[in-house]
Protein backbone atom coordinates (compact mmCIF):
# COMPACT_ATOMS: atom_id res chain seq x y z
CA MET A 1 -0.05 0.12 -0.12
CA LEU A 2 2.88 2.43 1.07
CA SER A 3 5.61 3.53 -1.78
CA ARG A 4 8.61 4.35 -1.52
CA ARG A 5 7.62 8.33 -1.93
CA SER A 6 5.27 8.04 0.52
CA VAL A 7 8.41 6.64 2.83
CA ARG A 8 10.89 9.06 2.29
CA ILE A 9 7.67 11.83 3.12
CA LYS A 10 7.91 9.69 6.72
CA ALA A 11 11.75 9.89 6.71
CA MET A 12 11.88 13.58 5.88
CA GLN A 13 9.37 14.70 8.44
CA LEU A 14 11.10 12.23 11.23
CA LEU A 15 14.18 13.81 10.37
CA TYR A 16 12.78 17.25 10.36
CA SER A 17 11.13 16.74 14.33
CA ILE A 18 14.67 15.40 15.43
CA ASP A 19 16.33 18.88 14.67
CA ARG A 20 13.07 20.91 16.28
CA ASP A 21 13.61 18.69 19.44
CA LYS A 22 16.92 17.44 20.45
CA ALA A 23 16.26 15.86 23.23
CA VAL A 24 14.37 13.25 20.99
CA THR A 25 16.37 9.93 20.43
CA LYS A 26 17.39 7.65 17.17
CA LYS A 27 15.58 4.71 18.68
CA GLU A 28 12.54 7.23 19.98
CA LEU A 29 13.17 8.13 16.25
CA VAL A 30 13.10 4.75 14.77
CA LYS A 31 10.13 3.64 17.19
CA SER A 32 8.53 6.57 15.46
CA TYR A 33 8.46 5.40 12.08
CA ASP A 34 7.29 2.23 13.01
CA PHE A 35 4.49 3.96 14.32
CA GLY A 36 3.48 5.98 11.36
CA ILE A 37 3.92 2.70 9.42
CA LYS A 38 1.50 1.27 11.33
CA GLN A 39 -1.36 4.69 11.20
CA SER A 40 -0.98 4.13 7.50
CA TYR A 41 -2.46 0.84 7.56
CA GLU A 42 -4.93 1.67 10.41
CA LEU A 43 -6.25 4.78 8.09
CA PHE A 44 -6.76 2.64 5.13
CA LEU A 45 -8.97 0.02 7.66
CA TYR A 46 -10.99 3.33 8.99
CA ASN A 47 -12.14 4.50 6.21
CA LEU A 48 -14.02 1.03 5.32
CA TYR A 49 -14.93 1.39 8.34
CA ILE A 50 -16.42 4.69 7.81
CA LEU A 51 -17.93 3.79 5.02
CA MET A 52 -19.35 0.68 6.24
CA GLU A 53 -21.57 3.08 8.90
CA ILE A 54 -22.53 5.52 6.66
CA THR A 55 -24.14 2.84 4.23
CA SER A 56 -25.38 1.29 7.23
CA CYS A 57 -27.56 4.49 8.17
CA ALA A 58 -29.93 3.50 5.51
CA GLU A 59 -31.65 1.26 7.20
CA ASN A 60 -33.34 3.76 9.49
CA ASP A 61 -33.83 5.80 6.88
CA LEU A 62 -36.13 2.61 5.37
CA LEU A 63 -37.64 2.39 9.10
CA LYS A 64 -38.72 5.96 9.08
CA ARG A 65 -40.04 5.91 5.61
CA LYS A 66 -41.87 2.96 6.42
CA SER A 67 -43.68 4.34 9.15
CA LYS A 68 -44.78 7.49 7.75
CA HIS A 69 -48.86 8.18 7.64
CA LEU A 70 -48.37 9.89 4.86
CA PRO A 71 -45.62 8.45 2.29
CA SER A 72 -44.34 9.57 -1.02
CA GLU A 73 -43.87 7.71 -4.64
CA TYR A 74 -40.02 8.02 -3.58
CA ASP A 75 -41.21 6.89 -0.28
CA LYS A 76 -42.88 3.98 -1.40
CA LYS A 77 -39.88 3.00 -3.81
CA PHE A 78 -37.23 3.72 -1.42
CA THR A 79 -34.27 0.50 -0.60
CA ASP A 80 -31.96 0.31 2.13
CA LYS A 81 -29.64 -1.67 -0.58
CA ILE A 82 -26.52 0.93 -0.32
CA TYR A 83 -26.29 -1.16 2.81
CA ALA A 84 -27.63 -4.22 1.86
CA ASN A 85 -26.08 -5.02 -1.18
CA PRO A 86 -23.81 -7.84 -1.99
CA LEU A 87 -20.68 -5.52 -1.64
CA ILE A 88 -21.16 -3.45 1.43
CA GLN A 89 -22.15 -7.32 2.85
CA ASP A 90 -19.27 -8.65 2.24
CA MET A 91 -17.50 -6.63 4.76
CA VAL A 92 -20.70 -6.36 7.19
CA THR A 93 -20.41 -10.38 7.62
CA ASN A 94 -16.57 -10.62 7.25
CA LYS A 95 -15.85 -11.64 10.59
CA GLU A 96 -11.77 -11.37 10.28
CA LEU A 97 -11.84 -7.89 8.74
CA ASN A 98 -15.07 -6.69 11.81
CA LYS A 99 -12.15 -8.50 14.43
CA LYS A 100 -9.57 -6.49 13.43
CA PHE A 101 -12.04 -3.30 13.66
CA GLU A 102 -12.80 -4.15 17.09
CA ALA A 103 -9.33 -4.37 18.12
CA LEU A 104 -8.72 -1.12 16.47
CA ASN A 105 -11.85 0.54 18.32
CA PHE A 106 -12.86 2.35 15.28
CA GLU A 107 -16.61 2.44 17.49
CA SER A 108 -14.53 5.11 20.32
CA LYS A 109 -13.23 7.03 16.97
CA TYR A 110 -16.27 7.73 14.73
CA ASN A 111 -18.31 10.52 15.36
CA LYS A 112 -22.12 8.87 14.56
CA ASP A 113 -23.76 12.11 13.96
CA TYR A 114 -21.11 13.45 11.51
CA VAL A 115 -21.92 9.83 10.03
CA THR A 116 -25.16 10.54 9.94
CA LYS A 117 -24.57 13.92 8.66
CA ILE A 118 -22.69 12.51 5.54
CA TYR A 119 -25.46 9.46 5.20
CA GLU A 120 -28.30 12.62 4.62
CA ALA A 121 -26.33 14.86 2.44
CA PHE A 122 -25.59 12.25 0.02
CA ALA A 123 -29.21 10.45 -0.33
CA LYS A 124 -30.10 13.56 -1.52
CA LYS A 125 -28.30 13.55 -4.82
CA GLU A 126 -29.80 12.76 -7.89
CA GLU A 127 -27.74 9.57 -8.53
CA PHE A 128 -29.02 8.08 -4.94
CA LYS A 129 -32.14 8.55 -5.58
CA ASP A 130 -31.98 6.71 -9.18
CA TYR A 131 -29.91 3.93 -7.78
CA VAL A 132 -32.26 3.09 -4.53
CA THR A 133 -35.50 2.65 -6.56
CA LYS A 134 -34.25 0.57 -9.69
CA GLU A 135 -33.22 -2.51 -10.24
CA THR A 136 -29.13 -2.60 -10.17
CA ASN A 137 -26.25 -4.97 -10.98
CA ASP A 138 -23.06 -5.26 -8.89
CA SER A 139 -21.18 -2.91 -11.30
CA GLU A 140 -23.48 -0.16 -10.64
CA THR A 141 -23.27 -0.72 -7.26
CA LEU A 142 -19.54 -0.03 -7.15
CA GLU A 143 -19.81 2.68 -9.35
CA LEU A 144 -22.26 4.69 -6.50
CA LEU A 145 -20.14 3.64 -3.51
CA LEU A 146 -17.15 4.80 -5.02
CA GLU A 147 -19.11 7.95 -5.64
CA LEU A 148 -20.20 7.98 -2.02
CA TYR A 149 -16.15 8.08 -1.25
CA ARG A 150 -15.63 10.67 -3.66
CA PHE A 151 -18.39 12.93 -2.16
CA CYS A 152 -17.42 11.80 1.44
CA ARG A 153 -13.42 12.55 0.56
CA GLN A 154 -14.89 16.51 -0.19
CA ASP A 155 -17.17 16.14 3.17
CA GLU A 156 -15.51 18.37 6.24
CA TYR A 157 -16.91 15.80 8.77
CA PHE A 158 -15.70 13.25 6.79
CA ASN A 159 -12.61 15.09 7.13
CA GLU A 160 -12.67 16.67 10.53
CA MET A 161 -13.23 12.77 11.71
CA LEU A 162 -10.18 11.29 9.70
CA GLU A 163 -8.20 13.57 11.21
CA ASP A 164 -9.62 13.75 14.62
CA ALA A 165 -8.44 9.74 14.81
CA TYR A 166 -5.49 9.70 12.42
CA PHE A 167 -2.72 12.63 12.08
CA ASN A 168 -1.40 10.84 8.95
CA TRP A 169 -4.14 11.82 6.95
CA LEU A 170 -3.58 14.56 4.58
CA ASP A 171 -0.07 13.04 3.99
CA ASP A 172 -1.30 9.37 2.75
CA LYS A 173 -4.21 10.35 1.31
CA SER A 174 -3.82 9.45 -1.97
CA LEU A 175 -2.10 6.57 -0.90
CA VAL A 176 -5.22 5.07 1.61
CA VAL A 177 -7.82 6.41 -1.22
CA GLY A 178 -6.42 4.41 -4.42
CA ALA A 179 -6.25 1.23 -1.31
CA VAL A 180 -9.25 1.66 -0.82
CA LYS A 181 -10.96 1.43 -3.88
CA LYS A 182 -8.57 -1.10 -5.10
CA TYR A 183 -10.88 -3.05 -2.04
CA LEU A 184 -13.76 -1.84 -3.44
CA LYS A 185 -13.49 -2.86 -6.95
CA ALA A 186 -12.38 -6.27 -5.07
CA LEU A 187 -15.49 -7.03 -3.66
CA PRO A 188 -17.63 -9.42 -3.01
CA ASN A 189 -14.97 -11.82 -2.48
CA GLU A 190 -14.30 -15.12 -0.40
CA ASN A 191 -10.98 -14.09 1.05
CA SER A 192 -11.68 -13.32 4.48
CA LYS A 193 -8.64 -12.15 4.49
CA LEU A 194 -8.07 -9.80 1.71
CA PHE A 195 -7.54 -7.00 3.97
CA SER A 196 -4.45 -8.07 5.08
CA GLU A 197 -3.02 -7.75 1.50
CA PHE A 198 -3.09 -4.00 2.09
CA LEU A 199 -0.30 -4.61 4.74
CA PRO A 200 2.65 -2.29 3.65
CA GLU A 201 5.36 -4.47 2.36
CA ASP A 202 8.61 -4.93 3.81
CA GLU A 203 10.64 -3.88 1.22
CA THR A 204 9.15 -0.63 1.29
CA VAL A 205 8.62 -0.38 4.50
CA GLN A 206 11.57 -1.93 6.42
CA GLU A 207 14.57 -2.77 3.69
CA PHE A 208 14.14 1.09 2.23
CA GLY A 209 12.45 3.87 4.31
CA LYS A 210 14.27 2.01 7.43
CA ILE A 211 17.26 2.11 6.36
CA LEU A 212 17.37 5.03 4.44
CA LEU A 213 16.32 6.94 7.87
CA LYS A 214 18.92 4.99 9.60
CA LYS A 215 21.85 5.45 7.42
CA THR A 216 20.82 9.53 7.20
CA LEU A 217 20.81 9.67 10.73
CA ASP A 218 24.10 7.84 10.95
CA GLN A 219 25.82 9.43 8.26
CA GLN A 220 24.32 13.50 8.56
CA ASP A 221 28.03 15.09 9.46
CA ASP A 222 29.64 12.98 6.33
CA LEU A 223 26.40 14.20 3.93
CA MET A 224 26.71 17.66 5.16
CA LYS A 225 30.79 17.33 4.12
CA ILE A 226 29.75 16.08 0.67
CA VAL A 227 26.78 19.24 0.73
CA ILE A 228 28.67 21.98 2.03
CA PRO A 229 31.27 22.10 -0.82
CA THR A 230 28.54 22.19 -3.33
CA LEU A 231 26.53 25.33 -2.05
CA GLU A 232 29.10 27.68 -3.03
CA ASN A 233 27.55 30.82 -2.27
CA TRP A 234 25.41 29.79 0.12
CA ASP A 235 25.67 29.44 3.46
CA HIS A 236 23.90 26.55 4.34
CA ASP A 237 23.34 27.40 7.79
CA ARG A 238 20.86 30.38 6.21
CA LEU A 239 19.61 27.50 4.38
CA ALA A 240 15.61 26.49 5.19
CA LEU A 241 15.73 22.62 6.88
CA VAL A 242 13.49 21.13 4.93
CA ASP A 243 15.49 21.92 1.95
CA THR A 244 18.58 20.79 3.86
CA ILE A 245 17.07 17.95 4.88
CA LEU A 246 15.48 16.48 1.51
CA ILE A 247 19.28 16.95 0.18
CA GLN A 248 20.29 15.08 3.54
CA LEU A 249 18.62 12.15 2.40
CA ALA A 250 18.40 12.38 -1.16
CA VAL A 251 22.91 11.83 -1.32
CA SER A 252 22.09 9.11 1.43
CA GLU A 253 19.65 7.21 -1.23
CA MET A 254 22.11 7.69 -3.93
CA LEU A 255 25.26 6.45 -1.70
CA ASN A 256 23.66 3.70 0.12
CA PHE A 257 21.07 1.96 -2.23
CA PRO A 258 23.21 0.64 -5.16
CA THR A 259 19.12 -0.66 -7.26
CA ILE A 260 17.92 2.60 -7.58
CA ALA A 261 19.38 5.12 -9.90
CA ALA A 262 20.86 8.19 -8.52
CA LYS A 263 18.71 10.43 -11.03
CA VAL A 264 15.56 8.54 -9.91
CA SER A 265 16.49 9.71 -6.51
CA LEU A 266 17.62 13.03 -7.41
CA ASN A 267 13.71 13.83 -9.61
CA GLU A 268 12.13 12.48 -6.15
CA TYR A 269 13.51 15.09 -3.62
CA VAL A 270 13.22 17.73 -6.53
CA GLU A 271 9.59 16.74 -6.46
CA LEU A 272 9.12 16.59 -2.13
CA GLY A 273 10.79 19.89 -2.35
CA LYS A 274 7.89 21.82 -4.77
CA GLN A 275 5.68 20.26 -2.22
CA TYR A 276 6.97 20.19 1.07
CA SER A 277 9.34 23.78 0.96
CA THR A 278 10.03 26.90 -0.35
CA ALA A 279 8.95 28.07 -4.09
CA LYS A 280 12.40 28.67 -5.12
CA SER A 281 13.09 24.85 -3.80
CA LYS A 282 12.95 23.03 -6.81
CA GLU A 283 15.30 24.41 -8.42
CA PHE A 284 17.90 25.13 -5.68
CA ILE A 285 17.34 20.76 -4.68
CA ASN A 286 17.80 19.76 -8.36
CA GLY A 287 20.62 22.12 -8.75
CA ILE A 288 22.64 21.09 -5.73
CA LEU A 289 21.75 17.46 -6.06
CA ASP A 290 23.13 17.34 -9.42
CA LYS A 291 26.23 18.75 -9.01
CA ILE A 292 25.86 16.57 -6.18
CA MET A 293 25.84 13.57 -8.52
CA LYS A 294 28.54 14.24 -10.97
CA THR A 295 30.65 14.62 -8.01
CA LEU A 296 30.20 10.85 -6.93
CA GLN A 297 29.96 9.45 -10.05
CA ALA A 298 33.28 10.93 -10.80
CA GLU A 299 34.71 9.91 -7.77
CA GLY A 300 33.20 6.78 -8.23
CA ARG A 301 31.31 6.65 -4.62
CA MET A 302 28.07 5.78 -6.42
CA ASN A 303 28.35 1.85 -6.35
CA LYS A 304 25.17 1.19 -9.05
CA GLU A 305 24.24 -2.31 -9.70
CA GLY A 306 23.19 -2.54 -13.80
CA ARG A 307 21.49 0.16 -15.10
CA GLY A 308 20.07 1.27 -11.74
CA LEU A 309 16.82 1.75 -13.70
CA ILE A 310 14.84 1.09 -10.74
CA GLU A 311 11.56 2.92 -11.03
CA ASP A 312 8.96 4.14 -8.32
């Protein structure tokens, strides 16, 4: 579920935190990295749980409409199949998945009033009204559930719930959204542990991310000895902290990961600079890393395996 870019971001954020708080130890930082990875997976599961809870509101909606003294034609035609459909029911009846939800105590993390408000707002949409009153198949159900999920991501109540429960929602949002969509598209599914297939891969989070963090921490002084001569007229003490960290990570990656092309590393950290630092960071980081890359290549300090053409 997690990509190399996402663990680069986690490493950057942790290096920033240890610079801001000198009392944080390297051991604590690595522990925080492991916790962040765990949080990303929980966030994926929490999204599934919230979607399930939103659709379950249709049961009460149906009961209210049936109990009306003078029901409208729409009330008479209304069904709760946004919840009763085979895709959602695959999650509802999945004992393994619900054990996971219970273990993570999701029931105490979500706001029932917010869930109801999200459902009521979505229920006003024509797509919803059309779906619940006509014959549909699994493909049309999936289309509506994906539309519901798009609606949720634009809803303030949904985002507030996610941010309150998980600090990493904004950083991991795109990855989690992709994983949730993939999961929904695989339903209904006979594999009751399908959700476990979305666990972050060790190759990405351990063999790459954790090693990158540790190496950068351990080699910071040596890395700056490589960086400082390249700065020319720049005073490294006046550099934006995020820029410095991104450059350190990039150089560490160039030196310590033989199967990743140096140009790939350069491009990745330039993009992160554009996303997380100042307006001028993209050009600055690109220029510095390009010089460092050429110097390291000329000195034979980058031992890349084969062509090193590993795409992220």
